[in-house]
Amino acid sequence: MSKGERRKVGKRGQVTIPKELRERFGIEGGDDVLIHEEAGKIVIERSITREELAEGYRQRAQRTRELTDELAGVSTEANADLGDVPEW
């Protein structure tokens, strides 16, 4: 594990995230970040944007539609091969 870069905390508790890390994680000035404790360490994470969240939901909805269509086809095949199943 890398030791990272040493930074000073300003009087108001501010710390500058190194440029290399900002670029690697796509963090720009004005962006929101999440700061939390994890296993006794302070963790800074890039926040998910509303656009990224919406895209994730769109992809999940598309995958759900694809699975529904696939299962409908399988069900039709099963009915054709097995016939009607008695009601229990």
PDB file of N, CA and C in Angstrom:
ATOM      1  N   MET A   1       0.834  -1.173   0.000  1.00  0.00           N
ATOM      2  CA  MET A   1       0.000   0.000   0.000  1.00  0.00           C
ATOM      3  C   MET A   1       0.881   1.239   0.000  1.00  0.00           C
ATOM      4  N   SER A   2       0.498   2.200  -0.809  1.00  0.00           N
ATOM      5  CA  SER A   2       1.254   3.442  -0.902  1.00  0.00           C
ATOM      6  C   SER A   2       1.060   4.281   0.358  1.00  0.00           C
ATOM      7  N   LYS A   3       2.102   4.975   0.757  1.00  0.00           N
ATOM      8  CA  LYS A   3       2.022   5.861   1.919  1.00  0.00           C
ATOM      9  C   LYS A   3       1.332   7.170   1.566  1.00  0.00           C
ATOM     10  N   GLY A   4       1.223   7.489   0.278  1.00  0.00           N
ATOM     11  CA  GLY A   4       0.553   8.711  -0.140  1.00  0.00           C
ATOM     12  C   GLY A   4       1.431   9.931   0.019  1.00  0.00           C
ATOM     13  N   GLU A   5       0.806  11.086  -0.131  1.00  0.00           N
ATOM     14  CA  GLU A   5       1.507  12.358  -0.003  1.00  0.00           C
ATOM     15  C   GLU A   5       1.121  13.004   1.321  1.00  0.00           C
ATOM     16  N   ARG A   6       2.096  13.586   1.962  1.00  0.00           N
ATOM     17  CA  ARG A   6       1.851  14.269   3.234  1.00  0.00           C
ATOM     18  C   ARG A   6       1.293  15.658   2.921  1.00  0.00           C
ATOM     19  N   ARG A   7       0.207  16.019   3.595  1.00  0.00           N
ATOM     20  CA  ARG A   7      -0.425  17.319   3.423  1.00  0.00           C
ATOM     21  C   ARG A   7      -0.709  17.931   4.778  1.00  0.00           C
ATOM     22  N   LYS A   8      -0.700  19.249   4.856  1.00  0.00           N
ATOM     23  CA  LYS A   8      -1.045  19.950   6.097  1.00  0.00           C
ATOM     24  C   LYS A   8      -2.535  20.262   6.085  1.00  0.00           C
ATOM     25  N   VAL A   9      -3.136  20.167   7.247  1.00  0.00           N
ATOM     26  CA  VAL A   9      -4.532  20.550   7.416  1.00  0.00           C
ATOM     27  C   VAL A   9      -4.546  22.015   7.802  1.00  0.00           C
ATOM     28  N   GLY A  10      -5.323  22.805   7.061  1.00  0.00           N
ATOM     29  CA  GLY A  10      -5.416  24.233   7.348  1.00  0.00           C
ATOM     30  C   GLY A  10      -6.200  24.495   8.629  1.00  0.00           C
ATOM     31  N   LYS A  11      -6.174  25.747   9.074  1.00  0.00           N
ATOM     32  CA  LYS A  11      -6.848  26.132  10.314  1.00  0.00           C
ATOM     33  C   LYS A  11      -8.343  25.825  10.278  1.00  0.00           C
ATOM     34  N   ARG A  12      -8.939  25.844   9.088  1.00  0.00           N
ATOM     35  CA  ARG A  12     -10.372  25.569   8.953  1.00  0.00           C
ATOM     36  C   ARG A  12     -10.636  24.093   8.643  1.00  0.00           C
ATOM     37  N   GLY A  13      -9.615  23.249   8.769  1.00  0.00           N
ATOM     38  CA  GLY A  13      -9.785  21.816   8.547  1.00  0.00           C
ATOM     39  C   GLY A  13      -9.707  21.409   7.083  1.00  0.00           C
ATOM     40  N   GLN A  14      -9.235  22.280   6.217  1.00  0.00           N
ATOM     41  CA  GLN A  14      -9.181  21.984   4.794  1.00  0.00           C
ATOM     42  C   GLN A  14      -7.879  21.294   4.409  1.00  0.00           C
ATOM     43  N   VAL A  15      -8.002  20.349   3.463  1.00  0.00           N
ATOM     44  CA  VAL A  15      -6.853  19.633   2.916  1.00  0.00           C
ATOM     45  C   VAL A  15      -7.024  19.609   1.405  1.00  0.00           C
ATOM     46  N   THR A  16      -5.942  19.817   0.658  1.00  0.00           N
ATOM     47  CA  THR A  16      -6.000  19.757  -0.797  1.00  0.00           C
ATOM     48  C   THR A  16      -5.752  18.324  -1.251  1.00  0.00           C
ATOM     49  N   ILE A  17      -6.649  17.818  -2.092  1.00  0.00           N
ATOM     50  CA  ILE A  17      -6.465  16.477  -2.670  1.00  0.00           C
ATOM     51  C   ILE A  17      -5.429  16.606  -3.783  1.00  0.00           C
ATOM     52  N   PRO A  18      -4.398  15.774  -3.793  1.00  0.00           N
ATOM     53  CA  PRO A  18      -3.361  15.883  -4.828  1.00  0.00           C
ATOM     54  C   PRO A  18      -3.949  15.813  -6.248  1.00  0.00           C
ATOM     55  N   LYS A  19      -3.374  16.582  -7.138  1.00  0.00           N
ATOM     56  CA  LYS A  19      -3.851  16.682  -8.521  1.00  0.00           C
ATOM     57  C   LYS A  19      -3.946  15.315  -9.186  1.00  0.00           C
ATOM     58  N   GLU A  20      -2.940  14.481  -9.006  1.00  0.00           N
ATOM     59  CA  GLU A  20      -2.928  13.144  -9.627  1.00  0.00           C
ATOM     60  C   GLU A  20      -4.164  12.335  -9.219  1.00  0.00           C
ATOM     61  N   LEU A  21      -4.514  12.413  -7.937  1.00  0.00           N
ATOM     62  CA  LEU A  21      -5.690  11.681  -7.457  1.00  0.00           C
ATOM     63  C   LEU A  21      -6.985  12.311  -7.970  1.00  0.00           C
ATOM     64  N   ARG A  22      -7.051  13.648  -7.996  1.00  0.00           N
ATOM     65  CA  ARG A  22      -8.248  14.315  -8.534  1.00  0.00           C
ATOM     66  C   ARG A  22      -8.467  13.911  -9.979  1.00  0.00           C
ATOM     67  N   GLU A  23      -7.398  13.883 -10.769  1.00  0.00           N
ATOM     68  CA  GLU A  23      -7.521  13.508 -12.176  1.00  0.00           C
ATOM     69  C   GLU A  23      -7.916  12.042 -12.326  1.00  0.00           C
ATOM     70  N   ARG A  24      -7.289  11.173 -11.561  1.00  0.00           N
ATOM     71  CA  ARG A  24      -7.567   9.741 -11.651  1.00  0.00           C
ATOM     72  C   ARG A  24      -9.016   9.418 -11.300  1.00  0.00           C
ATOM     73  N   PHE A  25      -9.565  10.135 -10.310  1.00  0.00           N
ATOM     74  CA  PHE A  25     -10.919   9.848  -9.848  1.00  0.00           C
ATOM     75  C   PHE A  25     -11.965  10.818 -10.402  1.00  0.00           C
ATOM     76  N   GLY A  26     -11.539  11.702 -11.294  1.00  0.00           N
ATOM     77  CA  GLY A  26     -12.479  12.611 -11.946  1.00  0.00           C
ATOM     78  C   GLY A  26     -13.101  13.627 -11.005  1.00  0.00           C
ATOM     79  N   ILE A  27     -12.323  14.107 -10.054  1.00  0.00           N
ATOM     80  CA  ILE A  27     -12.809  15.106  -9.111  1.00  0.00           C
ATOM     81  C   ILE A  27     -12.326  16.475  -9.572  1.00  0.00           C
ATOM     82  N   GLU A  28     -13.276  17.394  -9.733  1.00  0.00           N
ATOM     83  CA  GLU A  28     -12.942  18.748 -10.163  1.00  0.00           C
ATOM     84  C   GLU A  28     -13.407  19.745  -9.116  1.00  0.00           C
ATOM     85  N   GLY A  29     -12.863  20.948  -9.178  1.00  0.00           N
ATOM     86  CA  GLY A  29     -13.279  21.993  -8.253  1.00  0.00           C
ATOM     87  C   GLY A  29     -14.783  22.186  -8.283  1.00  0.00           C
ATOM     88  N   GLY A  30     -15.403  22.263  -7.125  1.00  0.00           N
ATOM     89  CA  GLY A  30     -16.843  22.432  -7.037  1.00  0.00           C
ATOM     90  C   GLY A  30     -17.616  21.123  -6.938  1.00  0.00           C
ATOM     91  N   ASP A  31     -16.944  19.980  -7.189  1.00  0.00           N
ATOM     92  CA  ASP A  31     -17.608  18.678  -7.079  1.00  0.00           C
ATOM     93  C   ASP A  31     -17.887  18.334  -5.622  1.00  0.00           C
ATOM     94  N   ASP A  32     -18.922  17.551  -5.400  1.00  0.00           N
ATOM     95  CA  ASP A  32     -19.209  17.026  -4.070  1.00  0.00           C
ATOM     96  C   ASP A  32     -18.410  15.746  -3.866  1.00  0.00           C
ATOM     97  N   VAL A  33     -17.941  15.545  -2.646  1.00  0.00           N
ATOM     98  CA  VAL A  33     -17.288  14.290  -2.271  1.00  0.00           C
ATOM     99  C   VAL A  33     -17.936  13.785  -0.989  1.00  0.00           C
ATOM    100  N   LEU A  34     -17.847  12.493  -0.773  1.00  0.00           N
ATOM    101  CA  LEU A  34     -18.326  11.888   0.467  1.00  0.00           C
ATOM    102  C   LEU A  34     -17.130  11.674   1.372  1.00  0.00           C
ATOM    103  N   ILE A  35     -17.264  12.035   2.621  1.00  0.00           N
ATOM    104  CA  ILE A  35     -16.195  11.838   3.597  1.00  0.00           C
ATOM    105  C   ILE A  35     -16.785  11.030   4.733  1.00  0.00           C
ATOM    106  N   HIS A  36     -16.161   9.884   5.028  1.00  0.00           N
ATOM    107  CA  HIS A  36     -16.668   9.041   6.105  1.00  0.00           C
ATOM    108  C   HIS A  36     -15.527   8.256   6.732  1.00  0.00           C
ATOM    109  N   GLU A  37     -15.832   7.638   7.851  1.00  0.00           N
ATOM    110  CA  GLU A  37     -14.854   6.800   8.539  1.00  0.00           C
ATOM    111  C   GLU A  37     -15.089   5.354   8.138  1.00  0.00           C
ATOM    112  N   GLU A  38     -13.996   4.647   7.920  1.00  0.00           N
ATOM    113  CA  GLU A  38     -14.082   3.228   7.567  1.00  0.00           C
ATOM    114  C   GLU A  38     -12.878   2.519   8.168  1.00  0.00           C
ATOM    115  N   ALA A  39     -13.149   1.586   9.034  1.00  0.00           N
ATOM    116  CA  ALA A  39     -12.095   0.805   9.689  1.00  0.00           C
ATOM    117  C   ALA A  39     -11.049   1.714  10.337  1.00  0.00           C
ATOM    118  N   GLY A  40     -11.510   2.769  11.004  1.00  0.00           N
ATOM    119  CA  GLY A  40     -10.603   3.658  11.716  1.00  0.00           C
ATOM    120  C   GLY A  40      -9.830   4.620  10.838  1.00  0.00           C
ATOM    121  N   LYS A  41     -10.234   4.767   9.561  1.00  0.00           N
ATOM    122  CA  LYS A  41      -9.557   5.685   8.643  1.00  0.00           C
ATOM    123  C   LYS A  41     -10.568   6.659   8.062  1.00  0.00           C
ATOM    124  N   ILE A  42     -10.090   7.818   7.666  1.00  0.00           N
ATOM    125  CA  ILE A  42     -10.929   8.794   6.979  1.00  0.00           C
ATOM    126  C   ILE A  42     -10.871   8.472   5.490  1.00  0.00           C
ATOM    127  N   VAL A  43     -12.038   8.325   4.874  1.00  0.00           N
ATOM    128  CA  VAL A  43     -12.128   7.982   3.449  1.00  0.00           C
ATOM    129  C   VAL A  43     -12.829   9.120   2.717  1.00  0.00           C
ATOM    130  N   ILE A  44     -12.258   9.526   1.584  1.00  0.00           N
ATOM    131  CA  ILE A  44     -12.862  10.544   0.721  1.00  0.00           C
ATOM    132  C   ILE A  44     -13.211   9.853  -0.590  1.00  0.00           C
ATOM    133  N   GLU A  45     -14.487   9.929  -0.980  1.00  0.00           N
ATOM    134  CA  GLU A  45     -14.927   9.299  -2.225  1.00  0.00           C
ATOM    135  C   GLU A  45     -15.621  10.318  -3.108  1.00  0.00           C
ATOM    136  N   ARG A  46     -15.467  10.131  -4.400  1.00  0.00           N
ATOM    137  CA  ARG A  46     -16.192  10.963  -5.359  1.00  0.00           C
ATOM    138  C   ARG A  46     -17.665  10.595  -5.261  1.00  0.00           C
ATOM    139  N   SER A  47     -18.532  11.601  -5.183  1.00  0.00           N
ATOM    140  CA  SER A  47     -19.970  11.364  -5.132  1.00  0.00           C
ATOM    141  C   SER A  47     -20.471  10.922  -6.496  1.00  0.00           C
ATOM    142  N   ILE A  48     -21.519  10.135  -6.494  1.00  0.00           N
ATOM    143  CA  ILE A  48     -22.168   9.752  -7.737  1.00  0.00           C
ATOM    144  C   ILE A  48     -23.080  10.903  -8.139  1.00  0.00           C
ATOM    145  N   THR A  49     -22.987  11.321  -9.391  1.00  0.00           N
ATOM    146  CA  THR A  49     -23.822  12.421  -9.864  1.00  0.00           C
ATOM    147  C   THR A  49     -25.236  11.919 -10.139  1.00  0.00           C
ATOM    148  N   ARG A  50     -26.177  12.833 -10.203  1.00  0.00           N
ATOM    149  CA  ARG A  50     -27.561  12.465 -10.525  1.00  0.00           C
ATOM    150  C   ARG A  50     -27.622  11.791 -11.892  1.00  0.00           C
ATOM    151  N   GLU A  51     -26.810  12.267 -12.826  1.00  0.00           N
ATOM    152  CA  GLU A  51     -26.793  11.698 -14.170  1.00  0.00           C
ATOM    153  C   GLU A  51     -26.292  10.254 -14.143  1.00  0.00           C
ATOM    154  N   GLU A  52     -25.232  10.007 -13.363  1.00  0.00           N
ATOM    155  CA  GLU A  52     -24.705   8.644 -13.253  1.00  0.00           C
ATOM    156  C   GLU A  52     -25.722   7.717 -12.589  1.00  0.00           C
ATOM    157  N   LEU A  53     -26.397   8.223 -11.573  1.00  0.00           N
ATOM    158  CA  LEU A  53     -27.416   7.434 -10.892  1.00  0.00           C
ATOM    159  C   LEU A  53     -28.569   7.113 -11.839  1.00  0.00           C
ATOM    160  N   ALA A  54     -29.027   8.122 -12.580  1.00  0.00           N
ATOM    161  CA  ALA A  54     -30.117   7.915 -13.541  1.00  0.00           C
ATOM    162  C   ALA A  54     -29.711   6.908 -14.607  1.00  0.00           C
ATOM    163  N   GLU A  55     -28.478   6.990 -15.088  1.00  0.00           N
ATOM    164  CA  GLU A  55     -28.003   6.040 -16.111  1.00  0.00           C
ATOM    165  C   GLU A  55     -27.982   4.619 -15.546  1.00  0.00           C
ATOM    166  N   GLY A  56     -27.574   4.472 -14.306  1.00  0.00           N
ATOM    167  CA  GLY A  56     -27.586   3.153 -13.676  1.00  0.00           C
ATOM    168  C   GLY A  56     -28.988   2.582 -13.605  1.00  0.00           C
ATOM    169  N   TYR A  57     -29.955   3.424 -13.253  1.00  0.00           N
ATOM    170  CA  TYR A  57     -31.351   2.970 -13.212  1.00  0.00           C
ATOM    171  C   TYR A  57     -31.855   2.614 -14.603  1.00  0.00           C
ATOM    172  N   ARG A  58     -31.475   3.402 -15.627  1.00  0.00           N
ATOM    173  CA  ARG A  58     -31.889   3.090 -16.998  1.00  0.00           C
ATOM    174  C   ARG A  58     -31.334   1.737 -17.434  1.00  0.00           C
ATOM    175  N   GLN A  59     -30.061   1.496 -17.128  1.00  0.00           N
ATOM    176  CA  GLN A  59     -29.449   0.219 -17.498  1.00  0.00           C
ATOM    177  C   GLN A  59     -30.123  -0.951 -16.784  1.00  0.00           C
ATOM    178  N   ARG A  60     -30.436  -0.763 -15.509  1.00  0.00           N
ATOM    179  CA  ARG A  60     -31.106  -1.831 -14.755  1.00  0.00           C
ATOM    180  C   ARG A  60     -32.500  -2.101 -15.313  1.00  0.00           C
ATOM    181  N   ALA A  61     -33.222  -1.045 -15.658  1.00  0.00           N
ATOM    182  CA  ALA A  61     -34.561  -1.209 -16.235  1.00  0.00           C
ATOM    183  C   ALA A  61     -34.482  -1.942 -17.570  1.00  0.00           C
ATOM    184  N   GLN A  62     -33.488  -1.608 -18.392  1.00  0.00           N
ATOM    185  CA  GLN A  62     -33.316  -2.283 -19.679  1.00  0.00           C
ATOM    186  C   GLN A  62     -33.013  -3.760 -19.468  1.00  0.00           C
ATOM    187  N   ARG A  63     -32.153  -4.073 -18.520  1.00  0.00           N
ATOM    188  CA  ARG A  63     -31.810  -5.471 -18.239  1.00  0.00           C
ATOM    189  C   ARG A  63     -33.034  -6.226 -17.719  1.00  0.00           C
ATOM    190  N   THR A  64     -33.854  -5.568 -16.915  1.00  0.00           N
ATOM    191  CA  THR A  64     -35.079  -6.189 -16.408  1.00  0.00           C
ATOM    192  C   THR A  64     -36.028  -6.495 -17.559  1.00  0.00           C
ATOM    193  N   ARG A  65     -36.169  -5.560 -18.511  1.00  0.00           N
ATOM    194  CA  ARG A  65     -37.018  -5.810 -19.685  1.00  0.00           C
ATOM    195  C   ARG A  65     -36.492  -6.992 -20.492  1.00  0.00           C
ATOM    196  N   GLU A  66     -35.170  -7.054 -20.682  1.00  0.00           N
ATOM    197  CA  GLU A  66     -34.571  -8.161 -21.437  1.00  0.00           C
ATOM    198  C   GLU A  66     -34.839  -9.496 -20.752  1.00  0.00           C
ATOM    199  N   LEU A  67     -34.678  -9.549 -19.429  1.00  0.00           N
ATOM    200  CA  LEU A  67     -34.929 -10.791 -18.689  1.00  0.00           C
ATOM    201  C   LEU A  67     -36.402 -11.181 -18.741  1.00  0.00           C
ATOM    202  N   THR A  68     -37.285 -10.194 -18.644  1.00  0.00           N
ATOM    203  CA  THR A  68     -38.722 -10.465 -18.727  1.00  0.00           C
ATOM    204  C   THR A  68     -39.067 -11.067 -20.081  1.00  0.00           C
ATOM    205  N   ASP A  69     -38.524 -10.498 -21.148  1.00  0.00           N
ATOM    206  CA  ASP A  69     -38.771 -11.028 -22.491  1.00  0.00           C
ATOM    207  C   ASP A  69     -38.229 -12.448 -22.623  1.00  0.00           C
ATOM    208  N   GLU A  70     -37.039 -12.674 -22.090  1.00  0.00           N
ATOM    209  CA  GLU A  70     -36.428 -14.004 -22.161  1.00  0.00           C
ATOM    210  C   GLU A  70     -37.272 -15.029 -21.397  1.00  0.00           C
ATOM    211  N   LEU A  71     -37.722 -14.666 -20.211  1.00  0.00           N
ATOM    212  CA  LEU A  71     -38.537 -15.588 -19.415  1.00  0.00           C
ATOM    213  C   LEU A  71     -39.889 -15.848 -20.064  1.00  0.00           C
ATOM    214  N   ALA A  72     -40.458 -14.858 -20.721  1.00  0.00           N
ATOM    215  CA  ALA A  72     -41.730 -15.052 -21.420  1.00  0.00           C
ATOM    216  C   ALA A  72     -41.549 -16.075 -22.533  1.00  0.00           C
ATOM    217  N   GLY A  73     -40.428 -15.987 -23.242  1.00  0.00           N
ATOM    218  CA  GLY A  73     -40.143 -16.957 -24.304  1.00  0.00           C
ATOM    219  C   GLY A  73     -39.968 -18.359 -23.753  1.00  0.00           C
ATOM    220  N   VAL A  74     -39.264 -18.485 -22.657  1.00  0.00           N
ATOM    221  CA  VAL A  74     -39.042 -19.790 -22.027  1.00  0.00           C
ATOM    222  C   VAL A  74     -40.371 -20.362 -21.551  1.00  0.00           C
ATOM    223  N   SER A  75     -41.214 -19.525 -20.981  1.00  0.00           N
ATOM    224  CA  SER A  75     -42.519 -19.963 -20.499  1.00  0.00           C
ATOM    225  C   SER A  75     -43.380 -20.459 -21.652  1.00  0.00           C
ATOM    226  N   THR A  76     -43.356 -19.746 -22.768  1.00  0.00           N
ATOM    227  CA  THR A  76     -44.118 -20.164 -23.948  1.00  0.00           C
ATOM    228  C   THR A  76     -43.628 -21.515 -24.451  1.00  0.00           C
ATOM    229  N   GLU A  77     -42.303 -21.694 -24.508  1.00  0.00           N
ATOM    230  CA  GLU A  77     -41.731 -22.982 -24.932  1.00  0.00           C
ATOM    231  C   GLU A  77     -42.152 -24.103 -23.992  1.00  0.00           C
ATOM    232  N   ALA A  78     -42.097 -23.838 -22.700  1.00  0.00           N
ATOM    233  CA  ALA A  78     -42.468 -24.866 -21.722  1.00  0.00           C
ATOM    234  C   ALA A  78     -43.933 -25.247 -21.869  1.00  0.00           C
ATOM    235  N   ASN A  79     -44.793 -24.281 -22.057  1.00  0.00           N
ATOM    236  CA  ASN A  79     -46.215 -24.576 -22.241  1.00  0.00           C
ATOM    237  C   ASN A  79     -46.446 -25.413 -23.485  1.00  0.00           C
ATOM    238  N   ALA A  80     -45.716 -25.092 -24.558  1.00  0.00           N
ATOM    239  CA  ALA A  80     -45.872 -25.834 -25.809  1.00  0.00           C
ATOM    240  C   ALA A  80     -45.392 -27.278 -25.649  1.00  0.00           C
ATOM    241  N   ASP A  81     -44.297 -27.479 -24.927  1.00  0.00           N
ATOM    242  CA  ASP A  81     -43.738 -28.825 -24.762  1.00  0.00           C
ATOM    243  C   ASP A  81     -44.454 -29.644 -23.692  1.00  0.00           C
ATOM    244  N   LEU A  82     -44.890 -29.000 -22.623  1.00  0.00           N
ATOM    245  CA  LEU A  82     -45.457 -29.719 -21.490  1.00  0.00           C
ATOM    246  C   LEU A  82     -46.980 -29.712 -21.465  1.00  0.00           C
ATOM    247  N   GLY A  83     -47.580 -28.815 -22.182  1.00  0.00           N
ATOM    248  CA  GLY A  83     -49.031 -28.698 -22.116  1.00  0.00           C
ATOM    249  C   GLY A  83     -49.453 -27.953 -20.867  1.00  0.00           C
ATOM    250  N   ASP A  84     -50.735 -27.962 -20.618  1.00  0.00           N
ATOM    251  CA  ASP A  84     -51.250 -27.267 -19.441  1.00  0.00           C
ATOM    252  C   ASP A  84     -50.853 -27.992 -18.183  1.00  0.00           C
ATOM    253  N   VAL A  85     -50.532 -27.245 -17.156  1.00  0.00           N
ATOM    254  CA  VAL A  85     -50.200 -27.793 -15.862  1.00  0.00           C
ATOM    255  C   VAL A  85     -51.473 -27.758 -15.020  1.00  0.00           C
ATOM    256  N   PRO A  86     -51.813 -28.864 -14.354  1.00  0.00           N
ATOM    257  CA  PRO A  86     -53.057 -28.844 -13.565  1.00  0.00           C
ATOM    258  C   PRO A  86     -52.995 -27.834 -12.429  1.00  0.00           C
ATOM    259  N   GLU A  87     -54.130 -27.242 -12.102  1.00  0.00           N
ATOM    260  CA  GLU A  87     -54.219 -26.310 -10.978  1.00  0.00           C
ATOM    261  C   GLU A  87     -54.146 -27.110  -9.685  1.00  0.00           C
ATOM    262  N   TRP A  88     -53.450 -26.670  -8.701  1.00  0.00           N
ATOM    263  CA  TRP A  88     -53.314 -27.399  -7.441  1.00  0.00           C
ATOM    264  C   TRP A  88     -54.109 -26.743  -6.421  1.00  0.00           C
TER     265      TRP A  88
END
